[in-house]
């Protein structure tokens, strides 16, 4: 089944989401520890990018490793 976003298989998107959740949460805890458990201000843009970047890297890696087609 190939129905998904920009011809990227659905299972790859779900795997990228799972990876982004795990890696993003770890990075969020590292980068915003004082905002979560202390008195520092929470940075929303940084938090969103903390999850978007691992997702984008996973998808980019998948796309760049596809076999080349000269069709």
PDB file of N, CA and C in Angstrom:
ATOM      1  N   UNK A   1       0.844  -1.182   0.000  1.00  0.00           N
ATOM      2  CA  UNK A   1       0.000   0.000   0.000  1.00  0.00           C
ATOM      3  C   UNK A   1       0.887   1.241   0.000  1.00  0.00           C
ATOM      4  N   UNK A   2       0.718   2.093  -0.999  1.00  0.00           N
ATOM      5  CA  UNK A   2       1.617   3.225  -1.170  1.00  0.00           C
ATOM      6  C   UNK A   2       0.946   4.565  -0.904  1.00  0.00           C
ATOM      7  N   UNK A   3      -0.289   4.582  -0.450  1.00  0.00           N
ATOM      8  CA  UNK A   3      -0.962   5.851  -0.236  1.00  0.00           C
ATOM      9  C   UNK A   3      -0.380   6.567   0.972  1.00  0.00           C
ATOM     10  N   UNK A   4       0.235   7.708   0.702  1.00  0.00           N
ATOM     11  CA  UNK A   4       0.759   8.518   1.787  1.00  0.00           C
ATOM     12  C   UNK A   4       1.235   9.856   1.246  1.00  0.00           C
ATOM     13  N   UNK A   5       1.986  10.544   2.050  1.00  0.00           N
ATOM     14  CA  UNK A   5       2.444  11.889   1.763  1.00  0.00           C
ATOM     15  C   UNK A   5       3.622  11.871   0.795  1.00  0.00           C
ATOM     16  N   UNK A   6       3.493  12.518  -0.356  1.00  0.00           N
ATOM     17  CA  UNK A   6       4.564  12.633  -1.345  1.00  0.00           C
ATOM     18  C   UNK A   6       5.186  11.287  -1.708  1.00  0.00           C
ATOM     19  N   UNK A   7       4.364  10.265  -1.830  1.00  0.00           N
ATOM     20  CA  UNK A   7       4.778   8.916  -2.212  1.00  0.00           C
ATOM     21  C   UNK A   7       5.736   8.263  -1.213  1.00  0.00           C
ATOM     22  N   UNK A   8       5.769   8.778  -0.001  1.00  0.00           N
ATOM     23  CA  UNK A   8       6.533   8.126   1.068  1.00  0.00           C
ATOM     24  C   UNK A   8       5.576   7.153   1.734  1.00  0.00           C
ATOM     25  N   UNK A   9       5.953   5.895   1.826  1.00  0.00           N
ATOM     26  CA  UNK A   9       5.025   4.903   2.394  1.00  0.00           C
ATOM     27  C   UNK A   9       4.584   5.272   3.810  1.00  0.00           C
ATOM     28  N   UNK A  10       3.372   4.903   4.095  1.00  0.00           N
ATOM     29  CA  UNK A  10       2.764   5.217   5.393  1.00  0.00           C
ATOM     30  C   UNK A  10       3.584   4.665   6.551  1.00  0.00           C
ATOM     31  N   UNK A  11       4.121   3.446   6.395  1.00  0.00           N
ATOM     32  CA  UNK A  11       4.898   2.859   7.489  1.00  0.00           C
ATOM     33  C   UNK A  11       6.173   3.653   7.772  1.00  0.00           C
ATOM     34  N   UNK A  12       6.735   4.288   6.755  1.00  0.00           N
ATOM     35  CA  UNK A  12       7.929   5.110   6.954  1.00  0.00           C
ATOM     36  C   UNK A  12       7.567   6.382   7.723  1.00  0.00           C
ATOM     37  N   UNK A  13       6.428   6.957   7.400  1.00  0.00           N
ATOM     38  CA  UNK A  13       5.984   8.158   8.117  1.00  0.00           C
ATOM     39  C   UNK A  13       5.716   7.831   9.581  1.00  0.00           C
ATOM     40  N   UNK A  14       5.066   6.704   9.851  1.00  0.00           N
ATOM     41  CA  UNK A  14       4.806   6.316  11.241  1.00  0.00           C
ATOM     42  C   UNK A  14       6.105   6.040  11.996  1.00  0.00           C
ATOM     43  N   UNK A  15       7.050   5.423  11.325  1.00  0.00           N
ATOM     44  CA  UNK A  15       8.335   5.162  11.967  1.00  0.00           C
ATOM     45  C   UNK A  15       9.076   6.466  12.239  1.00  0.00           C
ATOM     46  N   UNK A  16       8.975   7.410  11.318  1.00  0.00           N
ATOM     47  CA  UNK A  16       9.595   8.725  11.526  1.00  0.00           C
ATOM     48  C   UNK A  16       8.939   9.449  12.695  1.00  0.00           C
ATOM     49  N   UNK A  17       7.620   9.322  12.808  1.00  0.00           N
ATOM     50  CA  UNK A  17       6.919   9.944  13.940  1.00  0.00           C
ATOM     51  C   UNK A  17       7.348   9.328  15.264  1.00  0.00           C
ATOM     52  N   UNK A  18       7.455   8.005  15.296  1.00  0.00           N
ATOM     53  CA  UNK A  18       7.894   7.344  16.530  1.00  0.00           C
ATOM     54  C   UNK A  18       9.314   7.767  16.901  1.00  0.00           C
ATOM     55  N   UNK A  19      10.176   7.841  15.917  1.00  0.00           N
ATOM     56  CA  UNK A  19      11.544   8.273  16.159  1.00  0.00           C
ATOM     57  C   UNK A  19      11.578   9.712  16.670  1.00  0.00           C
ATOM     58  N   UNK A  20      10.782  10.576  16.050  1.00  0.00           N
ATOM     59  CA  UNK A  20      10.733  11.981  16.467  1.00  0.00           C
ATOM     60  C   UNK A  20      10.215  12.124  17.889  1.00  0.00           C
ATOM     61  N   UNK A  21       9.254  11.302  18.261  1.00  0.00           N
ATOM     62  CA  UNK A  21       8.719  11.372  19.628  1.00  0.00           C
ATOM     63  C   UNK A  21       9.779  10.963  20.649  1.00  0.00           C
ATOM     64  N   UNK A  22      10.478   9.871  20.377  1.00  0.00           N
ATOM     65  CA  UNK A  22      11.491   9.393  21.323  1.00  0.00           C
ATOM     66  C   UNK A  22      12.675  10.358  21.387  1.00  0.00           C
ATOM     67  N   UNK A  23      13.260  10.648  20.231  1.00  0.00           N
ATOM     68  CA  UNK A  23      14.437  11.523  20.190  1.00  0.00           C
ATOM     69  C   UNK A  23      14.069  12.937  20.637  1.00  0.00           C
ATOM     70  N   UNK A  24      12.927  13.431  20.171  1.00  0.00           N
ATOM     71  CA  UNK A  24      12.488  14.777  20.545  1.00  0.00           C
ATOM     72  C   UNK A  24      12.263  14.926  22.034  1.00  0.00           C
ATOM     73  N   UNK A  25      11.687  13.921  22.668  1.00  0.00           N
ATOM     74  CA  UNK A  25      11.453  13.981  24.110  1.00  0.00           C
ATOM     75  C   UNK A  25      12.767  13.993  24.880  1.00  0.00           C
ATOM     76  N   UNK A  26      13.704  13.174  24.454  1.00  0.00           N
ATOM     77  CA  UNK A  26      15.021  13.170  25.107  1.00  0.00           C
ATOM     78  C   UNK A  26      15.685  14.532  24.956  1.00  0.00           C
ATOM     79  N   UNK A  27      15.666  15.079  23.751  1.00  0.00           N
ATOM     80  CA  UNK A  27      16.273  16.393  23.527  1.00  0.00           C
ATOM     81  C   UNK A  27      15.538  17.499  24.281  1.00  0.00           C
ATOM     82  N   UNK A  28      14.223  17.389  24.356  1.00  0.00           N
ATOM     83  CA  UNK A  28      13.446  18.383  25.095  1.00  0.00           C
ATOM     84  C   UNK A  28      13.832  18.374  26.574  1.00  0.00           C
ATOM     85  N   UNK A  29      13.968  17.188  27.137  1.00  0.00           N
ATOM     86  CA  UNK A  29      14.380  17.087  28.539  1.00  0.00           C
ATOM     87  C   UNK A  29      15.778  17.665  28.749  1.00  0.00           C
ATOM     88  N   UNK A  30      16.673  17.410  27.828  1.00  0.00           N
ATOM     89  CA  UNK A  30      18.033  17.935  27.942  1.00  0.00           C
ATOM     90  C   UNK A  30      18.037  19.460  27.798  1.00  0.00           C
ATOM     91  N   UNK A  31      17.369  19.965  26.775  1.00  0.00           N
ATOM     92  CA  UNK A  31      17.454  21.389  26.446  1.00  0.00           C
ATOM     93  C   UNK A  31      16.552  22.285  27.284  1.00  0.00           C
ATOM     94  N   UNK A  32      15.465  21.757  27.820  1.00  0.00           N
ATOM     95  CA  UNK A  32      14.536  22.617  28.548  1.00  0.00           C
ATOM     96  C   UNK A  32      14.257  22.094  29.954  1.00  0.00           C
ATOM     97  N   UNK A  33      15.230  21.433  30.521  1.00  0.00           N
ATOM     98  CA  UNK A  33      15.082  20.884  31.862  1.00  0.00           C
ATOM     99  C   UNK A  33      14.641  21.949  32.867  1.00  0.00           C
ATOM    100  N   UNK A  34      15.304  23.097  32.834  1.00  0.00           N
ATOM    101  CA  UNK A  34      14.999  24.152  33.810  1.00  0.00           C
ATOM    102  C   UNK A  34      13.631  24.787  33.565  1.00  0.00           C
ATOM    103  N   UNK A  35      13.181  24.748  32.342  1.00  0.00           N
ATOM    104  CA  UNK A  35      11.838  25.271  32.058  1.00  0.00           C
ATOM    105  C   UNK A  35      10.776  24.284  32.529  1.00  0.00           C
ATOM    106  N   UNK A  36      11.062  23.000  32.414  1.00  0.00           N
ATOM    107  CA  UNK A  36      10.090  21.990  32.817  1.00  0.00           C
ATOM    108  C   UNK A  36      10.056  21.783  34.322  1.00  0.00           C
ATOM    109  N   UNK A  37      11.223  21.822  34.967  1.00  0.00           N
ATOM    110  CA  UNK A  37      11.305  21.485  36.386  1.00  0.00           C
ATOM    111  C   UNK A  37      11.857  22.612  37.250  1.00  0.00           C
ATOM    112  N   UNK A  38      12.092  23.757  36.651  1.00  0.00           N
ATOM    113  CA  UNK A  38      12.641  24.888  37.394  1.00  0.00           C
ATOM    114  C   UNK A  38      11.824  26.138  37.146  1.00  0.00           C
ATOM    115  N   UNK A  39      12.519  27.247  37.111  1.00  0.00           N
ATOM    116  CA  UNK A  39      11.840  28.537  36.987  1.00  0.00           C
ATOM    117  C   UNK A  39      12.089  29.221  35.645  1.00  0.00           C
ATOM    118  N   UNK A  40      12.767  28.588  34.730  1.00  0.00           N
ATOM    119  CA  UNK A  40      13.050  29.210  33.435  1.00  0.00           C
ATOM    120  C   UNK A  40      11.794  29.224  32.568  1.00  0.00           C
ATOM    121  N   UNK A  41      11.806  30.108  31.585  1.00  0.00           N
ATOM    122  CA  UNK A  41      10.676  30.227  30.660  1.00  0.00           C
ATOM    123  C   UNK A  41      10.734  29.120  29.600  1.00  0.00           C
ATOM    124  N   UNK A  42       9.582  28.529  29.300  1.00  0.00           N
ATOM    125  CA  UNK A  42       9.495  27.482  28.280  1.00  0.00           C
ATOM    126  C   UNK A  42       9.542  28.117  26.903  1.00  0.00           C
ATOM    127  N   UNK A  43      10.400  27.611  26.034  1.00  0.00           N
ATOM    128  CA  UNK A  43      10.553  28.157  24.673  1.00  0.00           C
ATOM    129  C   UNK A  43       9.802  27.257  23.698  1.00  0.00           C
ATOM    130  N   UNK A  44       8.640  27.713  23.261  1.00  0.00           N
ATOM    131  CA  UNK A  44       7.766  26.910  22.409  1.00  0.00           C
ATOM    132  C   UNK A  44       8.358  26.626  21.044  1.00  0.00           C
ATOM    133  N   UNK A  45       8.965  27.628  20.411  1.00  0.00           N
ATOM    134  CA  UNK A  45       9.551  27.407  19.078  1.00  0.00           C
ATOM    135  C   UNK A  45      10.641  26.349  19.133  1.00  0.00           C
ATOM    136  N   UNK A  46      11.480  26.440  20.142  1.00  0.00           N
ATOM    137  CA  UNK A  46      12.558  25.452  20.296  1.00  0.00           C
ATOM    138  C   UNK A  46      11.972  24.068  20.558  1.00  0.00           C
ATOM    139  N   UNK A  47      10.895  24.007  21.330  1.00  0.00           N
ATOM    140  CA  UNK A  47      10.267  22.713  21.629  1.00  0.00           C
ATOM    141  C   UNK A  47       9.675  22.084  20.367  1.00  0.00           C
ATOM    142  N   UNK A  48       9.045  22.884  19.552  1.00  0.00           N
ATOM    143  CA  UNK A  48       8.465  22.360  18.309  1.00  0.00           C
ATOM    144  C   UNK A  48       9.572  21.869  17.378  1.00  0.00           C
ATOM    145  N   UNK A  49      10.630  22.660  17.241  1.00  0.00           N
ATOM    146  CA  UNK A  49      11.745  22.248  16.387  1.00  0.00           C
ATOM    147  C   UNK A  49      12.446  21.005  16.917  1.00  0.00           C
ATOM    148  N   UNK A  50      12.409  20.819  18.216  1.00  0.00           N
ATOM    149  CA  UNK A  50      13.013  19.637  18.825  1.00  0.00           C
ATOM    150  C   UNK A  50      12.360  18.361  18.314  1.00  0.00           C
ATOM    151  N   UNK A  51      11.094  18.429  17.944  1.00  0.00           N
ATOM    152  CA  UNK A  51      10.393  17.270  17.387  1.00  0.00           C
ATOM    153  C   UNK A  51      10.416  17.259  15.855  1.00  0.00           C
ATOM    154  N   UNK A  52      10.383  18.423  15.239  1.00  0.00           N
ATOM    155  CA  UNK A  52      10.346  18.498  13.772  1.00  0.00           C
ATOM    156  C   UNK A  52      11.669  18.044  13.162  1.00  0.00           C
ATOM    157  N   UNK A  53      12.776  18.430  13.766  1.00  0.00           N
ATOM    158  CA  UNK A  53      14.085  18.116  13.185  1.00  0.00           C
ATOM    159  C   UNK A  53      14.344  16.605  13.095  1.00  0.00           C
ATOM    160  N   UNK A  54      14.137  15.817  14.154  1.00  0.00           N
ATOM    161  CA  UNK A  54      14.359  14.367  13.990  1.00  0.00           C
ATOM    162  C   UNK A  54      13.428  13.744  12.946  1.00  0.00           C
ATOM    163  N   UNK A  55      12.188  14.232  12.865  1.00  0.00           N
ATOM    164  CA  UNK A  55      11.267  13.732  11.845  1.00  0.00           C
ATOM    165  C   UNK A  55      11.804  14.040  10.452  1.00  0.00           C
ATOM    166  N   UNK A  56      12.227  15.280  10.239  1.00  0.00           N
ATOM    167  CA  UNK A  56      12.741  15.687   8.926  1.00  0.00           C
ATOM    168  C   UNK A  56      14.009  14.930   8.561  1.00  0.00           C
ATOM    169  N   UNK A  57      14.883  14.706   9.512  1.00  0.00           N
ATOM    170  CA  UNK A  57      16.118  13.965   9.254  1.00  0.00           C
ATOM    171  C   UNK A  57      15.806  12.524   8.865  1.00  0.00           C
ATOM    172  N   UNK A  58      14.856  11.904   9.549  1.00  0.00           N
ATOM    173  CA  UNK A  58      14.470  10.532   9.229  1.00  0.00           C
ATOM    174  C   UNK A  58      13.921  10.452   7.797  1.00  0.00           C
ATOM    175  N   UNK A  59      13.012  11.354   7.447  1.00  0.00           N
ATOM    176  CA  UNK A  59      12.421  11.354   6.100  1.00  0.00           C
ATOM    177  C   UNK A  59      13.485  11.659   5.053  1.00  0.00           C
ATOM    178  N   UNK A  60      14.342  12.637   5.322  1.00  0.00           N
ATOM    179  CA  UNK A  60      15.411  12.978   4.382  1.00  0.00           C
ATOM    180  C   UNK A  60      16.318  11.776   4.147  1.00  0.00           C
ATOM    181  N   UNK A  61      16.662  11.087   5.221  1.00  0.00           N
ATOM    182  CA  UNK A  61      17.508   9.899   5.111  1.00  0.00           C
ATOM    183  C   UNK A  61      16.826   8.827   4.268  1.00  0.00           C
ATOM    184  N   UNK A  62      15.535   8.636   4.474  1.00  0.00           N
ATOM    185  CA  UNK A  62      14.799   7.643   3.685  1.00  0.00           C
ATOM    186  C   UNK A  62      14.818   8.015   2.201  1.00  0.00           C
ATOM    187  N   UNK A  63      14.511   9.265   1.899  1.00  0.00           N
ATOM    188  CA  UNK A  63      14.413   9.708   0.501  1.00  0.00           C
ATOM    189  C   UNK A  63      15.763   9.632  -0.192  1.00  0.00           C
ATOM    190  N   UNK A  64      16.827  10.036   0.477  1.00  0.00           N
ATOM    191  CA  UNK A  64      18.143  10.033  -0.165  1.00  0.00           C
ATOM    192  C   UNK A  64      18.698   8.629  -0.350  1.00  0.00           C
ATOM    193  N   UNK A  65      18.162   7.654   0.359  1.00  0.00           N
ATOM    194  CA  UNK A  65      18.627   6.271   0.213  1.00  0.00           C
ATOM    195  C   UNK A  65      17.753   5.438  -0.706  1.00  0.00           C
ATOM    196  N   UNK A  66      16.790   6.063  -1.357  1.00  0.00           N
ATOM    197  CA  UNK A  66      15.975   5.332  -2.340  1.00  0.00           C
ATOM    198  C   UNK A  66      16.826   5.019  -3.559  1.00  0.00           C
ATOM    199  N   UNK A  67      16.567   3.884  -4.192  1.00  0.00           N
ATOM    200  CA  UNK A  67      17.313   3.572  -5.422  1.00  0.00           C
ATOM    201  C   UNK A  67      17.018   4.612  -6.520  1.00  0.00           C
ATOM    202  N   UNK A  68      18.023   4.970  -7.272  1.00  0.00           N
ATOM    203  CA  UNK A  68      17.873   5.954  -8.332  1.00  0.00           C
ATOM    204  C   UNK A  68      17.096   5.350  -9.501  1.00  0.00           C
ATOM    205  N   UNK A  69      16.119   6.101  -9.974  1.00  0.00           N
ATOM    206  CA  UNK A  69      15.332   5.642 -11.117  1.00  0.00           C
ATOM    207  C   UNK A  69      15.506   6.643 -12.270  1.00  0.00           C
ATOM    208  N   UNK A  70      15.902   6.176 -13.425  1.00  0.00           N
ATOM    209  CA  UNK A  70      16.121   7.075 -14.570  1.00  0.00           C
ATOM    210  C   UNK A  70      14.888   7.159 -15.459  1.00  0.00           C
ATOM    211  N   UNK A  71      13.729   6.740 -14.951  1.00  0.00           N
ATOM    212  CA  UNK A  71      12.485   6.785 -15.756  1.00  0.00           C
ATOM    213  C   UNK A  71      11.991   8.181 -15.936  1.00  0.00           C
TER     214      UNK A  71
END
